[in-house]
Amino acid sequence: MLDATLELIESGGYFGAGLNQVVAASGAPRGSLYYHFPDGKDQLVSESVTRAGQDIAAMITRLEAFDTADLLIQLLDLLGDRLEQSEWRKGCPVATVALELAASNDAVQKVCSAAYTSWEAALHDRLISDGHPDAEDLATTVLALIEGGLLLARTHRSRQPLTRVSRMIKTLL
């Protein structure tokens, strides 16, 4: 159910992932939904976003790279592959939900914030290990570049924005 929910929210956002759609996409019995997620859709979406956030943070910490710039270029390539293979439907697993609900749903906003915080922390640690004294600012800047690049790539249905972001990351780092 979590995987099905993530698929649905990545391509259609929070409002594109109705409980009936989750049940249909997951193949799980409807009763399982309420048994495992007694707090309903917000719990289901929150747990899916948390899981996706952990996956990206793990990717940042596990990718083997010469330096942070190389790591980020690899990450952009992987995210670009994923985006293109999904026919431009899957950008960031957190962004769509964050944009839709950050101002109106405190519980989901906190989960989205936690995901982004974990990514910034993973980037910060890599930047520190490379000797960047301004690692905190760079982590935020690089994450903003990646998120913006994914949004533009999805919008334009082109990897060109990700290629440009990769070039700028090389320049910054």
N, C-alpha and C. Protein backbone atom coordinates (compact mmCIF):
# COMPACT_ATOMS: atom_id res chain seq x y z
N MET A 1 0.82 -1.19 0.00
CA MET A 1 0.00 0.00 0.00
C MET A 1 0.86 1.26 0.00
N LEU A 2 1.98 1.20 0.72
CA LEU A 2 2.87 2.37 0.74
C LEU A 2 3.46 2.62 -0.64
N ASP A 3 3.88 1.56 -1.32
CA ASP A 3 4.43 1.72 -2.66
C ASP A 3 3.38 2.28 -3.62
N ALA A 4 2.18 1.74 -3.55
CA ALA A 4 1.10 2.22 -4.43
C ALA A 4 0.78 3.68 -4.14
N THR A 5 0.76 4.03 -2.86
CA THR A 5 0.50 5.43 -2.50
C THR A 5 1.58 6.34 -3.04
N LEU A 6 2.83 5.93 -2.88
CA LEU A 6 3.93 6.75 -3.38
C LEU A 6 3.84 6.94 -4.89
N GLU A 7 3.55 5.88 -5.61
CA GLU A 7 3.37 5.98 -7.06
C GLU A 7 2.30 7.01 -7.40
N LEU A 8 1.19 6.92 -6.69
CA LEU A 8 0.07 7.82 -6.98
C LEU A 8 0.37 9.27 -6.61
N ILE A 9 0.99 9.50 -5.45
CA ILE A 9 1.26 10.89 -5.06
C ILE A 9 2.36 11.50 -5.91
N GLU A 10 3.31 10.69 -6.35
CA GLU A 10 4.36 11.25 -7.20
C GLU A 10 3.81 11.73 -8.54
N SER A 11 2.87 11.00 -9.07
CA SER A 11 2.36 11.38 -10.39
C SER A 11 1.15 12.29 -10.32
N GLY A 12 0.35 12.19 -9.26
CA GLY A 12 -0.86 12.99 -9.20
C GLY A 12 -1.04 13.83 -7.96
N GLY A 13 -0.06 13.78 -7.07
CA GLY A 13 -0.15 14.56 -5.85
C GLY A 13 -1.07 13.94 -4.82
N TYR A 14 -1.20 14.62 -3.72
CA TYR A 14 -2.03 14.16 -2.60
C TYR A 14 -3.47 13.93 -3.06
N PHE A 15 -3.98 14.85 -3.82
CA PHE A 15 -5.38 14.77 -4.23
C PHE A 15 -5.59 13.77 -5.37
N GLY A 16 -4.51 13.33 -5.98
CA GLY A 16 -4.59 12.32 -7.02
C GLY A 16 -4.43 10.90 -6.48
N ALA A 17 -4.35 10.79 -5.17
CA ALA A 17 -4.15 9.49 -4.52
C ALA A 17 -5.30 9.22 -3.57
N GLY A 18 -6.47 8.99 -4.11
CA GLY A 18 -7.62 8.67 -3.27
C GLY A 18 -7.48 7.27 -2.69
N LEU A 19 -8.17 7.01 -1.60
CA LEU A 19 -8.08 5.71 -0.96
C LEU A 19 -8.55 4.58 -1.88
N ASN A 20 -9.58 4.84 -2.67
CA ASN A 20 -10.03 3.82 -3.63
C ASN A 20 -8.93 3.51 -4.65
N GLN A 21 -8.22 4.54 -5.08
CA GLN A 21 -7.13 4.34 -6.03
C GLN A 21 -5.99 3.55 -5.39
N VAL A 22 -5.70 3.85 -4.13
CA VAL A 22 -4.63 3.13 -3.43
C VAL A 22 -4.99 1.65 -3.30
N VAL A 23 -6.21 1.37 -2.91
CA VAL A 23 -6.66 -0.01 -2.77
C VAL A 23 -6.56 -0.72 -4.12
N ALA A 24 -7.03 -0.08 -5.17
CA ALA A 24 -6.98 -0.69 -6.51
C ALA A 24 -5.55 -0.91 -6.97
N ALA A 25 -4.69 0.08 -6.80
CA ALA A 25 -3.31 -0.02 -7.27
C ALA A 25 -2.49 -1.02 -6.45
N SER A 26 -2.81 -1.16 -5.17
CA SER A 26 -2.03 -2.06 -4.32
C SER A 26 -2.53 -3.49 -4.37
N GLY A 27 -3.81 -3.66 -4.71
CA GLY A 27 -4.39 -5.00 -4.70
C GLY A 27 -4.70 -5.49 -3.31
N ALA A 28 -4.53 -4.65 -2.31
CA ALA A 28 -4.80 -5.03 -0.92
C ALA A 28 -6.30 -4.92 -0.63
N PRO A 29 -6.77 -5.74 0.28
CA PRO A 29 -8.18 -5.62 0.67
C PRO A 29 -8.42 -4.27 1.37
N ARG A 30 -9.58 -3.71 1.16
CA ARG A 30 -9.91 -2.41 1.73
C ARG A 30 -9.76 -2.41 3.26
N GLY A 31 -10.12 -3.51 3.89
CA GLY A 31 -10.00 -3.60 5.35
C GLY A 31 -8.57 -3.46 5.83
N SER A 32 -7.62 -3.90 5.02
CA SER A 32 -6.21 -3.77 5.39
C SER A 32 -5.79 -2.32 5.50
N LEU A 33 -6.37 -1.50 4.64
CA LEU A 33 -6.06 -0.08 4.66
C LEU A 33 -6.38 0.52 6.02
N TYR A 34 -7.56 0.25 6.52
CA TYR A 34 -7.98 0.83 7.80
C TYR A 34 -7.31 0.14 8.98
N TYR A 35 -6.94 -1.13 8.81
CA TYR A 35 -6.25 -1.84 9.88
C TYR A 35 -4.84 -1.29 10.07
N HIS A 36 -4.10 -1.14 8.97
CA HIS A 36 -2.71 -0.69 9.04
C HIS A 36 -2.56 0.83 9.14
N PHE A 37 -3.58 1.54 8.69
CA PHE A 37 -3.52 3.01 8.69
C PHE A 37 -4.80 3.56 9.32
N PRO A 38 -4.96 3.38 10.63
CA PRO A 38 -6.20 3.80 11.29
C PRO A 38 -6.46 5.31 11.23
N ASP A 39 -5.40 6.09 11.01
CA ASP A 39 -5.58 7.55 10.90
C ASP A 39 -5.86 7.98 9.47
N GLY A 40 -6.06 7.02 8.57
CA GLY A 40 -6.53 7.31 7.23
C GLY A 40 -5.46 7.79 6.26
N LYS A 41 -5.93 8.57 5.33
CA LYS A 41 -5.09 8.99 4.21
C LYS A 41 -3.86 9.77 4.63
N ASP A 42 -4.00 10.66 5.59
CA ASP A 42 -2.83 11.44 6.01
C ASP A 42 -1.73 10.54 6.56
N GLN A 43 -2.10 9.51 7.31
CA GLN A 43 -1.10 8.58 7.83
C GLN A 43 -0.45 7.81 6.68
N LEU A 44 -1.26 7.35 5.75
CA LEU A 44 -0.75 6.60 4.61
C LEU A 44 0.22 7.45 3.77
N VAL A 45 -0.18 8.67 3.49
CA VAL A 45 0.68 9.57 2.71
C VAL A 45 1.93 9.92 3.51
N SER A 46 1.78 10.20 4.79
CA SER A 46 2.93 10.54 5.62
C SER A 46 3.95 9.42 5.67
N GLU A 47 3.48 8.20 5.85
CA GLU A 47 4.41 7.07 5.89
C GLU A 47 5.06 6.82 4.53
N SER A 48 4.34 7.05 3.46
CA SER A 48 4.92 6.89 2.12
C SER A 48 5.99 7.95 1.87
N VAL A 49 5.71 9.18 2.24
CA VAL A 49 6.68 10.26 2.07
C VAL A 49 7.90 10.03 2.96
N THR A 50 7.68 9.57 4.18
CA THR A 50 8.79 9.28 5.08
C THR A 50 9.70 8.22 4.48
N ARG A 51 9.10 7.18 3.97
CA ARG A 51 9.87 6.10 3.35
C ARG A 51 10.66 6.60 2.13
N ALA A 52 10.03 7.38 1.29
CA ALA A 52 10.70 7.93 0.12
C ALA A 52 11.84 8.86 0.55
N GLY A 53 11.60 9.65 1.57
CA GLY A 53 12.64 10.53 2.09
C GLY A 53 13.84 9.75 2.60
N GLN A 54 13.59 8.65 3.28
CA GLN A 54 14.67 7.81 3.78
C GLN A 54 15.45 7.18 2.62
N ASP A 55 14.74 6.80 1.58
CA ASP A 55 15.40 6.20 0.41
C ASP A 55 16.36 7.18 -0.26
N ILE A 56 15.93 8.43 -0.41
CA ILE A 56 16.80 9.43 -1.04
C ILE A 56 17.98 9.77 -0.13
N ALA A 57 17.73 9.91 1.17
CA ALA A 57 18.83 10.19 2.11
C ALA A 57 19.85 9.05 2.08
N ALA A 58 19.39 7.82 2.02
CA ALA A 58 20.29 6.67 1.94
C ALA A 58 21.08 6.70 0.64
N MET A 59 20.43 7.09 -0.44
CA MET A 59 21.12 7.19 -1.71
C MET A 59 22.26 8.20 -1.62
N ILE A 60 22.00 9.33 -0.99
CA ILE A 60 23.02 10.37 -0.84
C ILE A 60 24.20 9.85 -0.03
N THR A 61 23.92 9.11 1.02
CA THR A 61 25.02 8.64 1.86
C THR A 61 25.73 7.42 1.30
N ARG A 62 25.05 6.63 0.45
CA ARG A 62 25.65 5.39 -0.04
C ARG A 62 26.33 5.49 -1.40
N LEU A 63 25.98 6.49 -2.19
CA LEU A 63 26.63 6.59 -3.50
C LEU A 63 28.12 6.81 -3.31
N GLU A 64 28.89 6.03 -4.02
CA GLU A 64 30.34 6.19 -3.94
C GLU A 64 30.77 7.19 -4.99
N ALA A 65 31.48 8.20 -4.53
CA ALA A 65 31.87 9.27 -5.43
C ALA A 65 33.21 9.84 -4.99
N PHE A 66 33.90 10.42 -5.95
CA PHE A 66 35.19 11.05 -5.69
C PHE A 66 35.03 12.22 -4.72
N ASP A 67 33.99 13.01 -4.94
CA ASP A 67 33.71 14.15 -4.08
C ASP A 67 32.21 14.45 -4.15
N THR A 68 31.78 15.48 -3.45
CA THR A 68 30.35 15.79 -3.39
C THR A 68 29.80 16.19 -4.75
N ALA A 69 30.56 16.92 -5.53
CA ALA A 69 30.09 17.30 -6.87
C ALA A 69 29.82 16.05 -7.70
N ASP A 70 30.73 15.09 -7.67
CA ASP A 70 30.54 13.84 -8.40
C ASP A 70 29.30 13.10 -7.88
N LEU A 71 29.13 13.06 -6.58
CA LEU A 71 27.97 12.41 -5.98
C LEU A 71 26.67 13.05 -6.49
N LEU A 72 26.63 14.37 -6.49
CA LEU A 72 25.42 15.08 -6.91
C LEU A 72 25.13 14.88 -8.38
N ILE A 73 26.15 14.80 -9.18
CA ILE A 73 25.95 14.55 -10.61
C ILE A 73 25.39 13.14 -10.81
N GLN A 74 25.91 12.18 -10.05
CA GLN A 74 25.36 10.82 -10.10
C GLN A 74 23.90 10.80 -9.66
N LEU A 75 23.62 11.52 -8.57
CA LEU A 75 22.25 11.59 -8.06
C LEU A 75 21.31 12.20 -9.09
N LEU A 76 21.74 13.28 -9.71
CA LEU A 76 20.92 13.91 -10.75
C LEU A 76 20.70 12.97 -11.93
N ASP A 77 21.71 12.22 -12.29
CA ASP A 77 21.56 11.23 -13.36
C ASP A 77 20.53 10.17 -12.99
N LEU A 78 20.62 9.66 -11.77
CA LEU A 78 19.67 8.64 -11.32
C LEU A 78 18.24 9.19 -11.29
N LEU A 79 18.09 10.38 -10.74
CA LEU A 79 16.76 10.99 -10.68
C LEU A 79 16.24 11.33 -12.07
N GLY A 80 17.14 11.75 -12.95
CA GLY A 80 16.76 12.03 -14.33
C GLY A 80 16.33 10.76 -15.06
N ASP A 81 17.06 9.66 -14.83
CA ASP A 81 16.67 8.37 -15.42
C ASP A 81 15.27 7.98 -14.95
N ARG A 82 15.06 8.10 -13.67
CA ARG A 82 13.77 7.74 -13.07
C ARG A 82 12.63 8.59 -13.65
N LEU A 83 12.91 9.87 -13.78
CA LEU A 83 11.92 10.80 -14.32
C LEU A 83 11.59 10.46 -15.77
N GLU A 84 12.63 10.26 -16.56
CA GLU A 84 12.42 9.96 -17.97
C GLU A 84 11.72 8.61 -18.16
N GLN A 85 12.13 7.59 -17.39
CA GLN A 85 11.52 6.27 -17.51
C GLN A 85 10.05 6.27 -17.10
N SER A 86 9.68 7.20 -16.25
CA SER A 86 8.27 7.30 -15.82
C SER A 86 7.46 8.16 -16.77
N GLU A 87 8.06 8.50 -17.91
CA GLU A 87 7.43 9.39 -18.87
C GLU A 87 7.09 10.75 -18.24
N TRP A 88 8.05 11.24 -17.45
CA TRP A 88 8.02 12.57 -16.84
C TRP A 88 6.98 12.71 -15.74
N ARG A 89 6.57 11.59 -15.15
CA ARG A 89 5.56 11.64 -14.08
C ARG A 89 6.17 11.67 -12.68
N LYS A 90 7.35 11.10 -12.52
CA LYS A 90 7.96 10.98 -11.20
C LYS A 90 9.14 11.92 -11.05
N GLY A 91 8.91 13.02 -10.39
CA GLY A 91 10.01 13.93 -10.10
C GLY A 91 10.51 13.64 -8.71
N CYS A 92 10.35 14.56 -7.83
CA CYS A 92 10.75 14.38 -6.44
C CYS A 92 9.60 13.70 -5.69
N PRO A 93 9.91 12.68 -4.87
CA PRO A 93 8.85 12.01 -4.14
C PRO A 93 8.21 12.84 -3.03
N VAL A 94 8.74 14.00 -2.74
CA VAL A 94 8.22 14.84 -1.66
C VAL A 94 7.60 16.13 -2.18
N ALA A 95 8.15 16.67 -3.24
CA ALA A 95 7.80 18.03 -3.68
C ALA A 95 6.32 18.25 -3.95
N THR A 96 5.67 17.35 -4.66
CA THR A 96 4.27 17.57 -5.01
C THR A 96 3.41 17.67 -3.76
N VAL A 97 3.61 16.76 -2.83
CA VAL A 97 2.84 16.77 -1.59
C VAL A 97 3.17 18.02 -0.78
N ALA A 98 4.44 18.38 -0.72
CA ALA A 98 4.85 19.57 0.03
C ALA A 98 4.18 20.82 -0.53
N LEU A 99 4.17 20.94 -1.85
CA LEU A 99 3.56 22.12 -2.47
C LEU A 99 2.06 22.18 -2.22
N GLU A 100 1.42 21.03 -2.23
CA GLU A 100 -0.03 20.99 -2.05
C GLU A 100 -0.46 21.24 -0.60
N LEU A 101 0.31 20.71 0.37
CA LEU A 101 -0.19 20.67 1.74
C LEU A 101 0.60 21.42 2.79
N ALA A 102 1.78 21.92 2.46
CA ALA A 102 2.63 22.54 3.48
C ALA A 102 1.95 23.68 4.23
N ALA A 103 1.08 24.39 3.56
CA ALA A 103 0.42 25.52 4.21
C ALA A 103 -0.86 25.14 4.94
N SER A 104 -1.37 23.93 4.71
CA SER A 104 -2.70 23.62 5.26
C SER A 104 -2.78 22.36 6.10
N ASN A 105 -1.76 21.52 6.10
CA ASN A 105 -1.83 20.25 6.81
C ASN A 105 -0.55 20.09 7.62
N ASP A 106 -0.63 20.40 8.91
CA ASP A 106 0.56 20.41 9.75
C ASP A 106 1.26 19.05 9.83
N ALA A 107 0.50 17.98 9.92
CA ALA A 107 1.10 16.65 10.07
C ALA A 107 1.91 16.28 8.82
N VAL A 108 1.34 16.46 7.65
CA VAL A 108 2.04 16.12 6.41
C VAL A 108 3.18 17.12 6.16
N GLN A 109 2.98 18.38 6.50
CA GLN A 109 4.06 19.37 6.36
C GLN A 109 5.28 18.96 7.15
N LYS A 110 5.07 18.46 8.37
CA LYS A 110 6.19 18.06 9.22
C LYS A 110 6.95 16.88 8.61
N VAL A 111 6.24 15.97 8.00
CA VAL A 111 6.88 14.83 7.35
C VAL A 111 7.70 15.28 6.15
N CYS A 112 7.14 16.18 5.35
CA CYS A 112 7.88 16.71 4.20
C CYS A 112 9.11 17.48 4.66
N SER A 113 8.95 18.28 5.70
CA SER A 113 10.07 19.04 6.24
C SER A 113 11.16 18.09 6.75
N ALA A 114 10.77 17.02 7.42
CA ALA A 114 11.73 16.06 7.94
C ALA A 114 12.51 15.38 6.80
N ALA A 115 11.82 15.07 5.72
CA ALA A 115 12.50 14.46 4.57
C ALA A 115 13.54 15.41 4.01
N TYR A 116 13.15 16.65 3.77
CA TYR A 116 14.11 17.63 3.24
C TYR A 116 15.26 17.86 4.22
N THR A 117 14.96 17.91 5.50
CA THR A 117 16.00 18.11 6.51
C THR A 117 17.00 16.97 6.48
N SER A 118 16.51 15.74 6.30
CA SER A 118 17.44 14.60 6.25
C SER A 118 18.32 14.66 5.01
N TRP A 119 17.77 15.13 3.90
CA TRP A 119 18.58 15.26 2.69
C TRP A 119 19.64 16.34 2.87
N GLU A 120 19.24 17.46 3.46
CA GLU A 120 20.22 18.53 3.70
C GLU A 120 21.31 18.07 4.65
N ALA A 121 20.93 17.30 5.67
CA ALA A 121 21.92 16.79 6.62
C ALA A 121 22.91 15.85 5.93
N ALA A 122 22.40 14.97 5.07
CA ALA A 122 23.28 14.06 4.34
C ALA A 122 24.22 14.83 3.41
N LEU A 123 23.68 15.85 2.74
CA LEU A 123 24.52 16.69 1.88
C LEU A 123 25.54 17.46 2.71
N HIS A 124 25.10 18.00 3.82
CA HIS A 124 25.97 18.75 4.72
C HIS A 124 27.16 17.89 5.15
N ASP A 125 26.88 16.66 5.55
CA ASP A 125 27.95 15.78 5.99
C ASP A 125 28.95 15.50 4.87
N ARG A 126 28.45 15.30 3.66
CA ARG A 126 29.35 15.06 2.52
C ARG A 126 30.20 16.29 2.24
N LEU A 127 29.56 17.46 2.29
CA LEU A 127 30.29 18.70 2.03
C LEU A 127 31.35 18.96 3.10
N ILE A 128 31.02 18.69 4.35
CA ILE A 128 31.99 18.84 5.44
C ILE A 128 33.19 17.91 5.20
N SER A 129 32.89 16.66 4.80
CA SER A 129 33.99 15.71 4.56
C SER A 129 34.88 16.14 3.39
N ASP A 130 34.33 16.98 2.50
CA ASP A 130 35.13 17.53 1.38
C ASP A 130 35.85 18.83 1.79
N GLY A 131 35.60 19.29 3.01
CA GLY A 131 36.30 20.47 3.49
C GLY A 131 35.64 21.79 3.17
N HIS A 132 34.34 21.78 2.86
CA HIS A 132 33.64 23.04 2.58
C HIS A 132 33.24 23.72 3.89
N PRO A 133 33.77 24.91 4.16
CA PRO A 133 33.43 25.59 5.41
C PRO A 133 31.98 26.12 5.44
N ASP A 134 31.40 26.31 4.29
CA ASP A 134 30.03 26.83 4.21
C ASP A 134 29.05 25.71 3.85
N ALA A 135 29.24 24.55 4.44
CA ALA A 135 28.49 23.35 4.08
C ALA A 135 26.99 23.50 4.29
N GLU A 136 26.59 24.19 5.33
CA GLU A 136 25.15 24.33 5.60
C GLU A 136 24.46 25.12 4.49
N ASP A 137 25.04 26.24 4.12
CA ASP A 137 24.48 27.05 3.03
C ASP A 137 24.54 26.30 1.70
N LEU A 138 25.65 25.63 1.44
CA LEU A 138 25.79 24.88 0.19
C LEU A 138 24.78 23.74 0.11
N ALA A 139 24.54 23.05 1.21
CA ALA A 139 23.58 21.94 1.22
C ALA A 139 22.19 22.43 0.82
N THR A 140 21.78 23.56 1.39
CA THR A 140 20.47 24.13 1.05
C THR A 140 20.43 24.57 -0.40
N THR A 141 21.50 25.23 -0.85
CA THR A 141 21.56 25.72 -2.23
C THR A 141 21.51 24.57 -3.22
N VAL A 142 22.29 23.54 -2.97
CA VAL A 142 22.34 22.40 -3.88
C VAL A 142 21.00 21.67 -3.91
N LEU A 143 20.38 21.51 -2.74
CA LEU A 143 19.07 20.86 -2.71
C LEU A 143 18.05 21.69 -3.50
N ALA A 144 18.10 23.00 -3.35
CA ALA A 144 17.19 23.86 -4.12
C ALA A 144 17.45 23.74 -5.62
N LEU A 145 18.71 23.64 -6.01
CA LEU A 145 19.04 23.45 -7.43
C LEU A 145 18.48 22.12 -7.95
N ILE A 146 18.63 21.08 -7.17
CA ILE A 146 18.14 19.76 -7.58
C ILE A 146 16.62 19.78 -7.69
N GLU A 147 15.95 20.31 -6.68
CA GLU A 147 14.49 20.35 -6.71
C GLU A 147 13.98 21.20 -7.88
N GLY A 148 14.60 22.34 -8.08
CA GLY A 148 14.22 23.19 -9.21
C GLY A 148 14.50 22.52 -10.54
N GLY A 149 15.64 21.84 -10.64
CA GLY A 149 15.98 21.13 -11.86
C GLY A 149 14.97 20.03 -12.17
N LEU A 150 14.55 19.30 -11.15
CA LEU A 150 13.55 18.24 -11.35
C LEU A 150 12.21 18.82 -11.80
N LEU A 151 11.82 19.92 -11.18
CA LEU A 151 10.56 20.57 -11.56
C LEU A 151 10.61 21.03 -13.01
N LEU A 152 11.70 21.68 -13.38
CA LEU A 152 11.83 22.16 -14.76
C LEU A 152 11.93 21.00 -15.76
N ALA A 153 12.67 19.96 -15.40
CA ALA A 153 12.79 18.81 -16.30
C ALA A 153 11.42 18.16 -16.51
N ARG A 154 10.67 18.04 -15.44
CA ARG A 154 9.33 17.45 -15.56
C ARG A 154 8.42 18.34 -16.39
N THR A 155 8.48 19.61 -16.15
CA THR A 155 7.64 20.57 -16.87
C THR A 155 7.97 20.59 -18.36
N HIS A 156 9.27 20.63 -18.67
CA HIS A 156 9.71 20.70 -20.07
C HIS A 156 9.80 19.33 -20.75
N ARG A 157 9.68 18.27 -19.94
CA ARG A 157 9.87 16.91 -20.45
C ARG A 157 11.21 16.80 -21.17
N SER A 158 12.22 17.25 -20.44
CA SER A 158 13.56 17.30 -20.99
C SER A 158 14.58 17.18 -19.86
N ARG A 159 15.68 16.51 -20.13
CA ARG A 159 16.76 16.41 -19.14
C ARG A 159 17.67 17.63 -19.15
N GLN A 160 17.45 18.53 -20.09
CA GLN A 160 18.33 19.69 -20.21
C GLN A 160 18.46 20.48 -18.89
N PRO A 161 17.37 20.76 -18.17
CA PRO A 161 17.55 21.48 -16.91
C PRO A 161 18.46 20.73 -15.92
N LEU A 162 18.39 19.42 -15.89
CA LEU A 162 19.25 18.65 -15.00
C LEU A 162 20.70 18.71 -15.44
N THR A 163 20.93 18.74 -16.74
CA THR A 163 22.28 18.88 -17.27
C THR A 163 22.85 20.25 -16.87
N ARG A 164 22.04 21.26 -16.97
CA ARG A 164 22.49 22.62 -16.59
C ARG A 164 22.78 22.69 -15.09
N VAL A 165 21.91 22.08 -14.28
CA VAL A 165 22.14 22.07 -12.83
C VAL A 165 23.44 21.34 -12.52
N SER A 166 23.70 20.23 -13.20
CA SER A 166 24.96 19.50 -12.99
C SER A 166 26.17 20.39 -13.27
N ARG A 167 26.11 21.14 -14.33
CA ARG A 167 27.22 22.04 -14.67
C ARG A 167 27.41 23.10 -13.57
N MET A 168 26.31 23.64 -13.08
CA MET A 168 26.42 24.68 -12.04
C MET A 168 26.91 24.10 -10.71
N ILE A 169 26.54 22.87 -10.42
CA ILE A 169 27.04 22.23 -9.20
C ILE A 169 28.55 22.07 -9.28
N LYS A 170 29.05 21.69 -10.44
CA LYS A 170 30.50 21.60 -10.63
C LYS A 170 31.15 22.95 -10.37
N THR A 171 30.52 24.01 -10.86
CA THR A 171 31.06 25.36 -10.66
C THR A 171 31.02 25.75 -9.18
N LEU A 172 29.92 25.47 -8.51
CA LEU A 172 29.77 25.84 -7.10
C LEU A 172 30.74 25.09 -6.18
N LEU A 173 30.93 23.83 -6.49
CA LEU A 173 31.71 23.01 -5.58
C LEU A 173 33.14 22.82 -6.06
